[in-house]
Amino acid sequence: MAFPKVGNNAPAFKLKNQDGKDIALKDFKGEKNVVLYFYPKAMTPGCTTQACGVRDTKAKFAKADTVVLGVSPDAVSRLVKFREKEKLNFDLLSDVDHEIAEKYGVWGLKKFMGREYMGINRVTFIIGKDGKLKHVMEKVNTKTHHDDILEIVKSL
């Protein structure tokens, strides 16, 4: 499955956040850039490092008129625990049926310790205020992700 094309409208989505509230891409159109980052599973080491980096730079994203949304196939109940445990200050979205992950081309075959399975690949999409896809980050370093995407957002 391929990623959406940079320059085109980003695929629409509406997912439940950790509070069970619907969050949709259209909620931010004309007002905020959106960083939509897909991660495999809440409360795992790499995903925790990535989320805490975003948490610690939230003020910088706000100055850049940008909202960050993390998407995983986790149930809302797991997102609640993740958010509370790590004191996360941004929305985590539940894509249990991986419909949005498929729209964005991040649902696919993964390999871990000799086992193959389907899951979310760690990819970040930056969407402009106009709703168009501005950048796709395929290679994500969980330790520097927040700084890397902030630099891209600032260059928009």
C-alpha atoms as a PDB file:
ATOM      1  CA  MET A   1       0.000   0.000   0.000  1.00  0.00           C
ATOM      2  CA  ALA A   2       1.342   3.447  -0.921  1.00  0.00           C
ATOM      3  CA  PHE A   3       1.353   6.647   1.087  1.00  0.00           C
ATOM      4  CA  PRO A   4      -0.897   9.530   0.029  1.00  0.00           C
ATOM      5  CA  LYS A   5       0.869  11.914  -2.329  1.00  0.00           C
ATOM      6  CA  VAL A   6       2.477  15.097  -1.006  1.00  0.00           C
ATOM      7  CA  GLY A   7       0.578  18.100  -2.395  1.00  0.00           C
ATOM      8  CA  ASN A   8      -2.781  16.311  -2.430  1.00  0.00           C
ATOM      9  CA  ASN A   9      -5.491  16.658   0.189  1.00  0.00           C
ATOM     10  CA  ALA A  10      -4.686  14.484   3.190  1.00  0.00           C
ATOM     11  CA  PRO A  11      -7.103  11.581   3.653  1.00  0.00           C
ATOM     12  CA  ALA A  12      -9.946  12.590   5.951  1.00  0.00           C
ATOM     13  CA  PHE A  13     -10.277  10.872   9.297  1.00  0.00           C
ATOM     14  CA  LYS A  14     -12.441  10.871  12.393  1.00  0.00           C
ATOM     15  CA  LEU A  15     -11.276   8.802  15.349  1.00  0.00           C
ATOM     16  CA  LYS A  16     -11.945   8.611  19.086  1.00  0.00           C
ATOM     17  CA  ASN A  17      -9.314  10.106  21.354  1.00  0.00           C
ATOM     18  CA  GLN A  18      -8.317   8.846  24.798  1.00  0.00           C
ATOM     19  CA  ASP A  19     -11.425  10.542  26.257  1.00  0.00           C
ATOM     20  CA  GLY A  20     -13.804   8.935  23.758  1.00  0.00           C
ATOM     21  CA  LYS A  21     -14.254  12.260  21.920  1.00  0.00           C
ATOM     22  CA  ASP A  22     -14.321  12.344  18.105  1.00  0.00           C
ATOM     23  CA  ILE A  23     -11.335  14.124  16.561  1.00  0.00           C
ATOM     24  CA  ALA A  24     -11.439  14.816  12.815  1.00  0.00           C
ATOM     25  CA  LEU A  25      -8.938  16.332  10.400  1.00  0.00           C
ATOM     26  CA  LYS A  26     -11.544  18.910   9.335  1.00  0.00           C
ATOM     27  CA  ASP A  27     -11.566  20.255  12.943  1.00  0.00           C
ATOM     28  CA  PHE A  28      -8.183  21.905  12.262  1.00  0.00           C
ATOM     29  CA  LYS A  29      -8.564  23.068   8.650  1.00  0.00           C
ATOM     30  CA  GLY A  30      -7.700  26.723   8.198  1.00  0.00           C
ATOM     31  CA  GLU A  31      -6.469  27.005  11.797  1.00  0.00           C
ATOM     32  CA  LYS A  32      -3.670  24.540  12.560  1.00  0.00           C
ATOM     33  CA  ASN A  33      -1.043  22.414  10.886  1.00  0.00           C
ATOM     34  CA  VAL A  34      -1.491  18.792  11.875  1.00  0.00           C
ATOM     35  CA  VAL A  35       1.276  16.329  12.652  1.00  0.00           C
ATOM     36  CA  LEU A  36      -0.298  12.901  12.375  1.00  0.00           C
ATOM     37  CA  TYR A  37       2.077  10.276  13.636  1.00  0.00           C
ATOM     38  CA  PHE A  38       1.367   6.570  13.550  1.00  0.00           C
ATOM     39  CA  TYR A  39       2.947   4.357  16.197  1.00  0.00           C
ATOM     40  CA  PRO A  40       2.643   0.594  16.746  1.00  0.00           C
ATOM     41  CA  LYS A  41       1.591   0.191  20.387  1.00  0.00           C
ATOM     42  CA  ALA A  42       1.084   2.366  23.452  1.00  0.00           C
ATOM     43  CA  MET A  43       3.312   1.822  26.494  1.00  0.00           C
ATOM     44  CA  THR A  44       6.146   0.128  24.590  1.00  0.00           C
ATOM     45  CA  PRO A  45       9.679   1.566  24.893  1.00  0.00           C
ATOM     46  CA  GLY A  46      10.016   3.236  21.458  1.00  0.00           C
ATOM     47  CA  CYS A  47       6.479   4.583  21.463  1.00  0.00           C
ATOM     48  CA  THR A  48       6.914   5.971  24.980  1.00  0.00           C
ATOM     49  CA  THR A  49      10.160   7.741  24.018  1.00  0.00           C
ATOM     50  CA  GLN A  50       8.468   9.227  20.951  1.00  0.00           C
ATOM     51  CA  ALA A  51       5.362  10.380  22.853  1.00  0.00           C
ATOM     52  CA  CYS A  52       7.350  11.919  25.717  1.00  0.00           C
ATOM     53  CA  GLY A  53       9.408  13.938  23.227  1.00  0.00           C
ATOM     54  CA  VAL A  54       6.205  15.370  21.769  1.00  0.00           C
ATOM     55  CA  ARG A  55       4.870  16.036  25.276  1.00  0.00           C
ATOM     56  CA  ASP A  56       7.992  17.981  26.237  1.00  0.00           C
ATOM     57  CA  THR A  57       7.888  20.213  23.142  1.00  0.00           C
ATOM     58  CA  LYS A  58       4.144  20.901  23.038  1.00  0.00           C
ATOM     59  CA  ALA A  59       4.660  24.639  23.641  1.00  0.00           C
ATOM     60  CA  LYS A  60       6.955  24.867  20.596  1.00  0.00           C
ATOM     61  CA  PHE A  61       4.347  23.143  18.436  1.00  0.00           C
ATOM     62  CA  ALA A  62       1.687  25.545  19.727  1.00  0.00           C
ATOM     63  CA  LYS A  63       3.879  28.527  18.725  1.00  0.00           C
ATOM     64  CA  ALA A  64       4.074  27.029  15.230  1.00  0.00           C
ATOM     65  CA  ASP A  65       0.244  26.744  15.028  1.00  0.00           C
ATOM     66  CA  THR A  66       0.561  22.977  15.022  1.00  0.00           C
ATOM     67  CA  VAL A  67      -1.337  20.201  16.759  1.00  0.00           C
ATOM     68  CA  VAL A  68       0.200  16.747  17.155  1.00  0.00           C
ATOM     69  CA  LEU A  69      -1.986  13.625  17.062  1.00  0.00           C
ATOM     70  CA  GLY A  70      -0.682  10.124  17.749  1.00  0.00           C
ATOM     71  CA  VAL A  71      -2.531   7.220  16.097  1.00  0.00           C
ATOM     72  CA  SER A  72      -2.286   3.548  17.055  1.00  0.00           C
ATOM     73  CA  PRO A  73      -4.451   0.429  16.841  1.00  0.00           C
ATOM     74  CA  ASP A  74      -4.851   0.512  20.640  1.00  0.00           C
ATOM     75  CA  ALA A  75      -8.275   0.603  22.274  1.00  0.00           C
ATOM     76  CA  VAL A  76      -9.338   3.856  23.950  1.00  0.00           C
ATOM     77  CA  SER A  77      -8.894   2.238  27.394  1.00  0.00           C
ATOM     78  CA  ARG A  78      -5.195   1.577  26.699  1.00  0.00           C
ATOM     79  CA  LEU A  79      -4.722   5.150  25.443  1.00  0.00           C
ATOM     80  CA  VAL A  80      -6.158   6.458  28.721  1.00  0.00           C
ATOM     81  CA  LYS A  81      -3.578   4.455  30.682  1.00  0.00           C
ATOM     82  CA  PHE A  82      -0.736   5.546  28.388  1.00  0.00           C
ATOM     83  CA  ARG A  83      -1.686   9.201  28.637  1.00  0.00           C
ATOM     84  CA  GLU A  84      -2.014   9.092  32.433  1.00  0.00           C
ATOM     85  CA  LYS A  85       1.152   7.060  33.028  1.00  0.00           C
ATOM     86  CA  GLU A  86       3.344   9.337  30.882  1.00  0.00           C
ATOM     87  CA  LYS A  87       1.438  12.590  31.613  1.00  0.00           C
ATOM     88  CA  LEU A  88       0.931  13.161  27.890  1.00  0.00           C
ATOM     89  CA  ASN A  89      -0.587  16.519  26.939  1.00  0.00           C
ATOM     90  CA  PHE A  90      -1.795  15.815  23.394  1.00  0.00           C
ATOM     91  CA  ASP A  91      -4.451  13.612  21.830  1.00  0.00           C
ATOM     92  CA  LEU A  92      -3.914   9.939  21.148  1.00  0.00           C
ATOM     93  CA  LEU A  93      -6.326   8.454  18.615  1.00  0.00           C
ATOM     94  CA  SER A  94      -7.639   4.908  18.529  1.00  0.00           C
ATOM     95  CA  ASP A  95      -7.678   3.194  15.120  1.00  0.00           C
ATOM     96  CA  VAL A  96      -8.585  -0.336  16.290  1.00  0.00           C
ATOM     97  CA  ASP A  97      -9.854  -1.480  12.905  1.00  0.00           C
ATOM     98  CA  HIS A  98      -6.803   0.196  11.228  1.00  0.00           C
ATOM     99  CA  GLU A  99      -9.050   1.894   8.652  1.00  0.00           C
ATOM    100  CA  ILE A 100      -7.148   5.191   8.837  1.00  0.00           C
ATOM    101  CA  ALA A 101      -3.771   3.426   8.957  1.00  0.00           C
ATOM    102  CA  GLU A 102      -4.740   1.739   5.692  1.00  0.00           C
ATOM    103  CA  LYS A 103      -5.849   5.066   4.135  1.00  0.00           C
ATOM    104  CA  TYR A 104      -2.419   6.481   4.967  1.00  0.00           C
ATOM    105  CA  GLY A 105      -0.572   3.374   3.749  1.00  0.00           C
ATOM    106  CA  VAL A 106       1.042   2.542   7.101  1.00  0.00           C
ATOM    107  CA  TRP A 107      -0.719  -0.773   7.806  1.00  0.00           C
ATOM    108  CA  GLY A 108       1.459  -3.602   6.562  1.00  0.00           C
ATOM    109  CA  LEU A 109       3.625  -6.619   7.137  1.00  0.00           C
ATOM    110  CA  LYS A 110       6.099  -6.311   9.998  1.00  0.00           C
ATOM    111  CA  LYS A 111       8.817  -8.609  11.280  1.00  0.00           C
ATOM    112  CA  PHE A 112       9.961  -8.923  14.866  1.00  0.00           C
ATOM    113  CA  MET A 113      12.149 -11.664  16.347  1.00  0.00           C
ATOM    114  CA  GLY A 114      11.560 -13.936  13.357  1.00  0.00           C
ATOM    115  CA  ARG A 115       7.785 -13.522  13.483  1.00  0.00           C
ATOM    116  CA  GLU A 116       5.747 -11.870  10.723  1.00  0.00           C
ATOM    117  CA  TYR A 117       2.480 -10.087  11.454  1.00  0.00           C
ATOM    118  CA  MET A 118       0.345  -7.179  10.263  1.00  0.00           C
ATOM    119  CA  GLY A 119       0.639  -3.896  12.114  1.00  0.00           C
ATOM    120  CA  ILE A 120       1.245  -0.163  11.963  1.00  0.00           C
ATOM    121  CA  ASN A 121       4.543   1.048  10.583  1.00  0.00           C
ATOM    122  CA  ARG A 122       5.973   4.102  12.347  1.00  0.00           C
ATOM    123  CA  VAL A 123       5.413   6.959   9.863  1.00  0.00           C
ATOM    124  CA  THR A 124       4.625  10.662  10.366  1.00  0.00           C
ATOM    125  CA  PHE A 125       2.553  12.913   8.098  1.00  0.00           C
ATOM    126  CA  ILE A 126       2.597  16.701   8.212  1.00  0.00           C
ATOM    127  CA  ILE A 127      -0.592  18.330   6.990  1.00  0.00           C
ATOM    128  CA  GLY A 128      -0.837  22.066   6.334  1.00  0.00           C
ATOM    129  CA  LYS A 129      -3.603  24.383   7.487  1.00  0.00           C
ATOM    130  CA  ASP A 130      -5.049  24.037   3.973  1.00  0.00           C
ATOM    131  CA  GLY A 131      -5.576  20.285   4.536  1.00  0.00           C
ATOM    132  CA  LYS A 132      -2.907  19.318   2.012  1.00  0.00           C
ATOM    133  CA  LEU A 133      -0.193  16.793   2.777  1.00  0.00           C
ATOM    134  CA  LYS A 134       3.098  18.693   3.092  1.00  0.00           C
ATOM    135  CA  HIS A 135       5.573  15.999   4.143  1.00  0.00           C
ATOM    136  CA  VAL A 136       5.877  12.257   4.812  1.00  0.00           C
ATOM    137  CA  MET A 137       8.543  11.105   7.253  1.00  0.00           C
ATOM    138  CA  GLU A 138       9.162   7.416   6.616  1.00  0.00           C
ATOM    139  CA  LYS A 139      12.296   7.027   8.700  1.00  0.00           C
ATOM    140  CA  VAL A 140      11.447   7.992  12.251  1.00  0.00           C
ATOM    141  CA  ASN A 141      14.001   8.197  15.044  1.00  0.00           C
ATOM    142  CA  THR A 142      11.919   7.937  18.222  1.00  0.00           C
ATOM    143  CA  LYS A 143      14.504   9.910  20.229  1.00  0.00           C
ATOM    144  CA  THR A 144      14.596  12.942  17.912  1.00  0.00           C
ATOM    145  CA  HIS A 145      11.148  12.702  16.278  1.00  0.00           C
ATOM    146  CA  HIS A 146       9.765  15.803  18.025  1.00  0.00           C
ATOM    147  CA  ASP A 147      12.697  18.004  16.966  1.00  0.00           C
ATOM    148  CA  ASP A 148      12.750  16.570  13.444  1.00  0.00           C
ATOM    149  CA  ILE A 149       9.079  17.301  12.790  1.00  0.00           C
ATOM    150  CA  LEU A 150       9.282  20.712  14.452  1.00  0.00           C
ATOM    151  CA  GLU A 151      12.006  21.734  11.993  1.00  0.00           C
ATOM    152  CA  ILE A 152       9.857  20.614   9.066  1.00  0.00           C
ATOM    153  CA  VAL A 153       6.793  22.437  10.395  1.00  0.00           C
ATOM    154  CA  LYS A 154       8.799  25.648  10.859  1.00  0.00           C
ATOM    155  CA  SER A 155       9.912  25.469   7.233  1.00  0.00           C
ATOM    156  CA  LEU A 156       6.330  25.348   5.897  1.00  0.00           C
END
